[in-house]
N, C-alpha and C. Protein backbone atom coordinates (compact mmCIF):
# COMPACT_ATOMS: atom_id res chain seq x y z
N MET A 1 -0.80 24.41 49.24
CA MET A 1 -2.07 24.97 48.85
C MET A 1 -1.81 26.34 48.21
N GLN A 2 -2.39 26.56 47.07
CA GLN A 2 -2.21 27.82 46.35
C GLN A 2 -3.43 28.71 46.58
N LEU A 3 -3.16 29.99 46.88
CA LEU A 3 -4.26 30.93 47.08
C LEU A 3 -4.88 31.30 45.74
N ASN A 4 -6.17 31.50 45.74
CA ASN A 4 -6.87 31.94 44.53
C ASN A 4 -6.85 33.46 44.49
N GLU A 5 -5.85 34.02 43.88
CA GLU A 5 -5.71 35.46 43.76
C GLU A 5 -6.59 35.95 42.63
N GLU A 6 -7.30 37.03 42.88
CA GLU A 6 -8.15 37.65 41.86
C GLU A 6 -7.27 38.17 40.74
N ALA A 7 -7.63 37.86 39.52
CA ALA A 7 -6.86 38.33 38.37
C ALA A 7 -7.14 39.80 38.10
N CYS A 8 -6.09 40.53 37.79
CA CYS A 8 -6.25 41.95 37.46
C CYS A 8 -6.95 42.06 36.11
N PRO A 9 -7.95 42.94 36.00
CA PRO A 9 -8.72 43.04 34.75
C PRO A 9 -7.99 43.77 33.62
N VAL A 10 -6.83 44.34 33.91
CA VAL A 10 -6.03 45.00 32.87
C VAL A 10 -4.62 44.43 32.93
N PRO A 11 -3.84 44.58 31.85
CA PRO A 11 -2.46 44.11 31.90
C PRO A 11 -1.68 44.82 33.01
N GLU A 12 -0.68 44.14 33.56
CA GLU A 12 0.12 44.72 34.64
C GLU A 12 0.78 46.03 34.22
N SER A 13 1.10 46.17 32.95
CA SER A 13 1.73 47.41 32.49
C SER A 13 0.77 48.59 32.66
N VAL A 14 -0.51 48.38 32.40
CA VAL A 14 -1.51 49.44 32.56
C VAL A 14 -1.68 49.76 34.05
N LEU A 15 -1.72 48.73 34.88
CA LEU A 15 -1.84 48.94 36.32
C LEU A 15 -0.64 49.73 36.84
N GLY A 16 0.54 49.41 36.35
CA GLY A 16 1.74 50.15 36.73
C GLY A 16 1.68 51.61 36.30
N GLN A 17 1.17 51.86 35.11
CA GLN A 17 1.03 53.24 34.64
C GLN A 17 0.05 54.01 35.53
N LEU A 18 -1.03 53.37 35.93
CA LEU A 18 -2.00 54.01 36.81
C LEU A 18 -1.37 54.33 38.16
N TYR A 19 -0.56 53.41 38.66
CA TYR A 19 0.07 53.58 39.96
C TYR A 19 1.09 54.72 39.94
N ARG A 20 1.79 54.86 38.84
CA ARG A 20 2.83 55.90 38.73
C ARG A 20 2.32 57.22 38.18
N ALA A 21 1.10 57.28 37.74
CA ALA A 21 0.57 58.49 37.10
C ALA A 21 0.46 59.65 38.08
N SER A 22 0.67 60.82 37.55
CA SER A 22 0.48 62.03 38.36
C SER A 22 -1.02 62.26 38.50
N PRO A 23 -1.43 63.04 39.50
CA PRO A 23 -2.86 63.34 39.65
C PRO A 23 -3.46 63.98 38.40
N GLN A 24 -2.65 64.73 37.65
CA GLN A 24 -3.15 65.37 36.44
C GLN A 24 -3.27 64.37 35.28
N GLY A 25 -2.43 63.35 35.26
CA GLY A 25 -2.44 62.39 34.16
C GLY A 25 -3.35 61.20 34.38
N LEU A 26 -3.78 61.00 35.61
CA LEU A 26 -4.62 59.84 35.93
C LEU A 26 -5.94 59.81 35.17
N PRO A 27 -6.68 60.92 35.06
CA PRO A 27 -7.96 60.86 34.34
C PRO A 27 -7.83 60.41 32.89
N ALA A 28 -6.78 60.82 32.20
CA ALA A 28 -6.59 60.40 30.81
C ALA A 28 -6.35 58.90 30.73
N LEU A 29 -5.58 58.35 31.65
CA LEU A 29 -5.34 56.90 31.67
C LEU A 29 -6.62 56.14 31.98
N ILE A 30 -7.38 56.66 32.93
CA ILE A 30 -8.64 56.01 33.30
C ILE A 30 -9.60 55.99 32.12
N ASP A 31 -9.66 57.09 31.39
CA ASP A 31 -10.56 57.18 30.24
C ASP A 31 -10.18 56.23 29.12
N SER A 32 -8.93 55.78 29.10
CA SER A 32 -8.48 54.87 28.04
C SER A 32 -8.95 53.43 28.27
N VAL A 33 -9.52 53.16 29.44
CA VAL A 33 -10.00 51.82 29.78
C VAL A 33 -11.49 51.76 29.52
N PRO A 34 -11.98 50.71 28.83
CA PRO A 34 -13.43 50.59 28.56
C PRO A 34 -14.25 50.60 29.86
N ALA A 35 -15.47 51.08 29.78
CA ALA A 35 -16.32 51.31 30.96
C ALA A 35 -16.50 50.07 31.83
N SER A 36 -16.81 48.93 31.25
CA SER A 36 -17.03 47.72 32.05
C SER A 36 -15.74 47.27 32.73
N THR A 37 -14.65 47.32 31.99
CA THR A 37 -13.35 46.95 32.55
C THR A 37 -12.95 47.94 33.63
N ARG A 38 -13.28 49.20 33.44
CA ARG A 38 -12.98 50.25 34.42
C ARG A 38 -13.66 49.94 35.76
N ALA A 39 -14.90 49.50 35.73
CA ALA A 39 -15.61 49.15 36.96
C ALA A 39 -14.94 47.96 37.65
N MET A 40 -14.55 46.95 36.89
CA MET A 40 -13.84 45.81 37.47
C MET A 40 -12.52 46.25 38.08
N LEU A 41 -11.82 47.15 37.38
CA LEU A 41 -10.54 47.65 37.86
C LEU A 41 -10.71 48.47 39.13
N ALA A 42 -11.76 49.27 39.21
CA ALA A 42 -12.02 50.07 40.41
C ALA A 42 -12.21 49.16 41.62
N VAL A 43 -12.98 48.10 41.45
CA VAL A 43 -13.21 47.15 42.54
C VAL A 43 -11.92 46.43 42.89
N TYR A 44 -11.18 45.99 41.88
CA TYR A 44 -9.90 45.30 42.08
C TYR A 44 -8.94 46.18 42.89
N CYS A 45 -8.79 47.43 42.50
CA CYS A 45 -7.86 48.34 43.18
C CYS A 45 -8.33 48.66 44.59
N TYR A 46 -9.62 48.89 44.75
CA TYR A 46 -10.14 49.27 46.05
C TYR A 46 -9.94 48.17 47.09
N ARG A 47 -9.92 46.93 46.66
CA ARG A 47 -9.73 45.80 47.57
C ARG A 47 -8.29 45.69 48.07
N ARG A 48 -7.39 46.46 47.51
CA ARG A 48 -5.99 46.43 47.91
C ARG A 48 -5.64 47.77 48.56
N SER A 49 -5.19 47.72 49.78
CA SER A 49 -5.00 48.96 50.55
C SER A 49 -4.07 49.95 49.85
N HIS A 50 -3.01 49.47 49.21
CA HIS A 50 -2.08 50.40 48.57
C HIS A 50 -2.63 50.98 47.27
N LEU A 51 -3.72 50.44 46.76
CA LEU A 51 -4.34 50.93 45.52
C LEU A 51 -5.74 51.51 45.76
N ALA A 52 -6.17 51.56 47.01
CA ALA A 52 -7.55 51.97 47.31
C ALA A 52 -7.87 53.37 46.80
N SER A 53 -6.94 54.30 46.94
CA SER A 53 -7.22 55.68 46.49
C SER A 53 -7.33 55.73 44.96
N ILE A 54 -6.57 54.89 44.27
CA ILE A 54 -6.70 54.82 42.82
C ILE A 54 -8.04 54.19 42.46
N GLY A 55 -8.46 53.19 43.23
CA GLY A 55 -9.76 52.58 43.02
C GLY A 55 -10.89 53.59 43.16
N LEU A 56 -10.77 54.49 44.14
CA LEU A 56 -11.78 55.55 44.29
C LEU A 56 -11.78 56.49 43.10
N ALA A 57 -10.59 56.84 42.62
CA ALA A 57 -10.49 57.74 41.46
C ALA A 57 -11.10 57.09 40.23
N ILE A 58 -10.84 55.82 40.04
CA ILE A 58 -11.40 55.09 38.89
C ILE A 58 -12.92 55.00 39.04
N ALA A 59 -13.38 54.68 40.25
CA ALA A 59 -14.82 54.54 40.49
C ALA A 59 -15.57 55.83 40.23
N SER A 60 -14.91 56.96 40.43
CA SER A 60 -15.59 58.24 40.21
C SER A 60 -15.96 58.45 38.74
N SER A 61 -15.36 57.65 37.84
CA SER A 61 -15.69 57.77 36.42
C SER A 61 -16.60 56.63 35.95
N CYS A 62 -17.07 55.80 36.89
CA CYS A 62 -17.89 54.64 36.54
C CYS A 62 -19.37 54.90 36.80
N ASP A 63 -20.20 54.17 36.07
CA ASP A 63 -21.64 54.19 36.30
C ASP A 63 -21.97 53.36 37.53
N GLU A 64 -22.99 53.76 38.24
CA GLU A 64 -23.40 53.03 39.43
C GLU A 64 -23.77 51.58 39.10
N ASP A 65 -24.47 51.37 37.98
CA ASP A 65 -24.88 50.01 37.60
C ASP A 65 -23.69 49.11 37.34
N ASP A 66 -22.65 49.64 36.68
CA ASP A 66 -21.45 48.84 36.41
C ASP A 66 -20.74 48.45 37.71
N LEU A 67 -20.62 49.39 38.64
CA LEU A 67 -19.98 49.09 39.92
C LEU A 67 -20.78 48.09 40.72
N ASN A 68 -22.11 48.24 40.72
CA ASN A 68 -22.97 47.28 41.42
C ASN A 68 -22.85 45.90 40.81
N PHE A 69 -22.80 45.82 39.48
CA PHE A 69 -22.73 44.52 38.80
C PHE A 69 -21.41 43.81 39.12
N HIS A 70 -20.31 44.53 39.07
CA HIS A 70 -19.00 43.91 39.24
C HIS A 70 -18.55 43.83 40.69
N GLY A 71 -19.13 44.65 41.57
CA GLY A 71 -18.68 44.64 42.95
C GLY A 71 -19.73 44.35 43.99
N GLY A 72 -20.99 44.19 43.57
CA GLY A 72 -22.06 43.93 44.53
C GLY A 72 -22.18 45.05 45.54
N ASN A 73 -22.29 44.68 46.82
CA ASN A 73 -22.41 45.68 47.88
C ASN A 73 -21.17 46.56 47.96
N LEU A 74 -20.01 45.97 47.74
CA LEU A 74 -18.78 46.75 47.73
C LEU A 74 -18.81 47.78 46.61
N GLY A 75 -19.32 47.39 45.45
CA GLY A 75 -19.44 48.32 44.33
C GLY A 75 -20.37 49.48 44.64
N ALA A 76 -21.46 49.19 45.32
CA ALA A 76 -22.40 50.26 45.70
C ALA A 76 -21.74 51.21 46.69
N ASP A 77 -21.02 50.66 47.65
CA ASP A 77 -20.31 51.48 48.63
C ASP A 77 -19.20 52.29 47.95
N LEU A 78 -18.52 51.67 47.03
CA LEU A 78 -17.45 52.34 46.29
C LEU A 78 -18.01 53.50 45.46
N TYR A 79 -19.16 53.30 44.87
CA TYR A 79 -19.81 54.37 44.10
C TYR A 79 -20.08 55.58 45.01
N THR A 80 -20.66 55.32 46.17
CA THR A 80 -20.98 56.40 47.11
C THR A 80 -19.72 57.11 47.59
N LYS A 81 -18.71 56.33 48.00
CA LYS A 81 -17.47 56.93 48.48
C LYS A 81 -16.76 57.73 47.40
N SER A 82 -16.81 57.25 46.17
CA SER A 82 -16.11 57.95 45.09
C SER A 82 -16.78 59.29 44.77
N ARG A 83 -18.07 59.38 45.03
CA ARG A 83 -18.77 60.64 44.78
C ARG A 83 -18.55 61.64 45.91
N ASN A 84 -18.18 61.12 47.09
CA ASN A 84 -17.92 61.98 48.25
C ASN A 84 -16.45 62.35 48.37
N ALA A 85 -15.56 61.62 47.70
CA ALA A 85 -14.13 61.91 47.76
C ALA A 85 -13.82 63.14 46.92
N THR A 86 -12.99 64.00 47.44
CA THR A 86 -12.67 65.23 46.71
C THR A 86 -11.47 65.06 45.80
N ALA A 87 -10.48 64.33 46.24
CA ALA A 87 -9.28 64.15 45.43
C ALA A 87 -8.52 62.93 45.91
N VAL A 88 -7.67 62.41 45.04
CA VAL A 88 -6.81 61.29 45.39
C VAL A 88 -5.63 61.84 46.17
N PRO A 89 -5.37 61.34 47.38
CA PRO A 89 -4.26 61.86 48.16
C PRO A 89 -2.92 61.69 47.44
N GLU A 90 -2.09 62.68 47.56
CA GLU A 90 -0.78 62.67 46.92
C GLU A 90 0.09 61.54 47.45
N SER A 91 -0.11 61.16 48.73
CA SER A 91 0.73 60.14 49.34
C SER A 91 0.57 58.78 48.67
N SER A 92 -0.50 58.56 47.93
CA SER A 92 -0.71 57.26 47.28
C SER A 92 -0.08 57.20 45.90
N ARG A 93 0.56 58.22 45.45
CA ARG A 93 1.11 58.29 44.12
C ARG A 93 2.61 58.11 44.11
N GLY A 94 3.06 56.89 43.96
CA GLY A 94 4.46 56.63 43.75
C GLY A 94 5.36 56.93 44.95
N GLN A 95 4.84 57.46 46.00
CA GLN A 95 5.63 57.71 47.20
C GLN A 95 5.26 56.64 48.20
N ARG A 96 6.24 55.92 48.63
CA ARG A 96 5.97 54.86 49.59
C ARG A 96 5.91 55.43 51.00
N GLN A 97 5.01 54.88 51.78
CA GLN A 97 4.92 55.29 53.16
C GLN A 97 6.11 54.75 53.92
N LYS A 98 6.56 55.50 54.92
CA LYS A 98 7.68 55.06 55.73
C LYS A 98 7.26 53.86 56.56
N ILE A 99 8.20 52.94 56.73
CA ILE A 99 7.96 51.75 57.53
C ILE A 99 8.79 51.88 58.80
N SER A 100 8.16 51.71 59.92
CA SER A 100 8.89 51.77 61.18
C SER A 100 9.04 50.35 61.71
N LEU A 101 10.19 50.09 62.29
CA LEU A 101 10.46 48.78 62.86
C LEU A 101 10.16 48.82 64.35
N SER A 102 9.73 47.71 64.86
CA SER A 102 9.38 47.63 66.28
C SER A 102 10.60 47.88 67.14
N GLN A 103 10.40 48.62 68.19
CA GLN A 103 11.45 48.87 69.18
C GLN A 103 11.02 48.31 70.53
N GLY A 104 9.99 47.49 70.52
CA GLY A 104 9.41 46.97 71.75
C GLY A 104 10.32 45.97 72.45
N SER A 105 9.84 45.46 73.59
CA SER A 105 10.64 44.56 74.43
C SER A 105 11.01 43.27 73.71
N LEU A 106 10.14 42.75 72.86
CA LEU A 106 10.46 41.54 72.12
C LEU A 106 11.67 41.76 71.21
N MET A 107 11.72 42.89 70.55
CA MET A 107 12.84 43.19 69.66
C MET A 107 14.13 43.34 70.46
N GLN A 108 14.06 43.87 71.69
CA GLN A 108 15.25 44.01 72.52
C GLN A 108 15.77 42.65 72.95
N VAL A 109 14.87 41.72 73.26
CA VAL A 109 15.25 40.37 73.64
C VAL A 109 15.93 39.67 72.46
N ILE A 110 15.39 39.82 71.29
CA ILE A 110 15.97 39.22 70.08
C ILE A 110 17.34 39.82 69.82
N ALA A 111 17.47 41.13 69.95
CA ALA A 111 18.75 41.80 69.71
C ALA A 111 19.79 41.33 70.71
N GLN A 112 19.42 41.11 71.99
CA GLN A 112 20.37 40.62 73.00
C GLN A 112 20.82 39.20 72.68
N ASP A 113 19.92 38.39 72.14
CA ASP A 113 20.27 37.03 71.77
C ASP A 113 21.27 36.98 70.62
N LEU A 114 21.23 37.98 69.76
CA LEU A 114 22.13 38.03 68.61
C LEU A 114 23.54 38.47 69.00
N ILE A 115 23.67 39.13 70.13
CA ILE A 115 24.98 39.66 70.55
C ILE A 115 25.80 38.61 71.20
């Protein structure tokens, strides 16, 4: 069974540029995307945890009607949140969050089995 993944409204190269953009360069990239596509992109990004802060930044440049049309209730919520957000956190820009591995009892049992 194949999952129905939502298609990105912009080419992957543009999405990659947005992901790697500095906080100062992000507004110029966002402005290069047409308004209707920008609203779809804001909703698309916001639905993905690693792109949510970029989705908020994109949504801050969108009209409320466009976000409502493309995102429904989520679009309305995104509009409100984007107007209340002060800035895109630096941690979401090209810096990956550290991943910690479990050190719990299950991992100790597995490690003992490997020895």
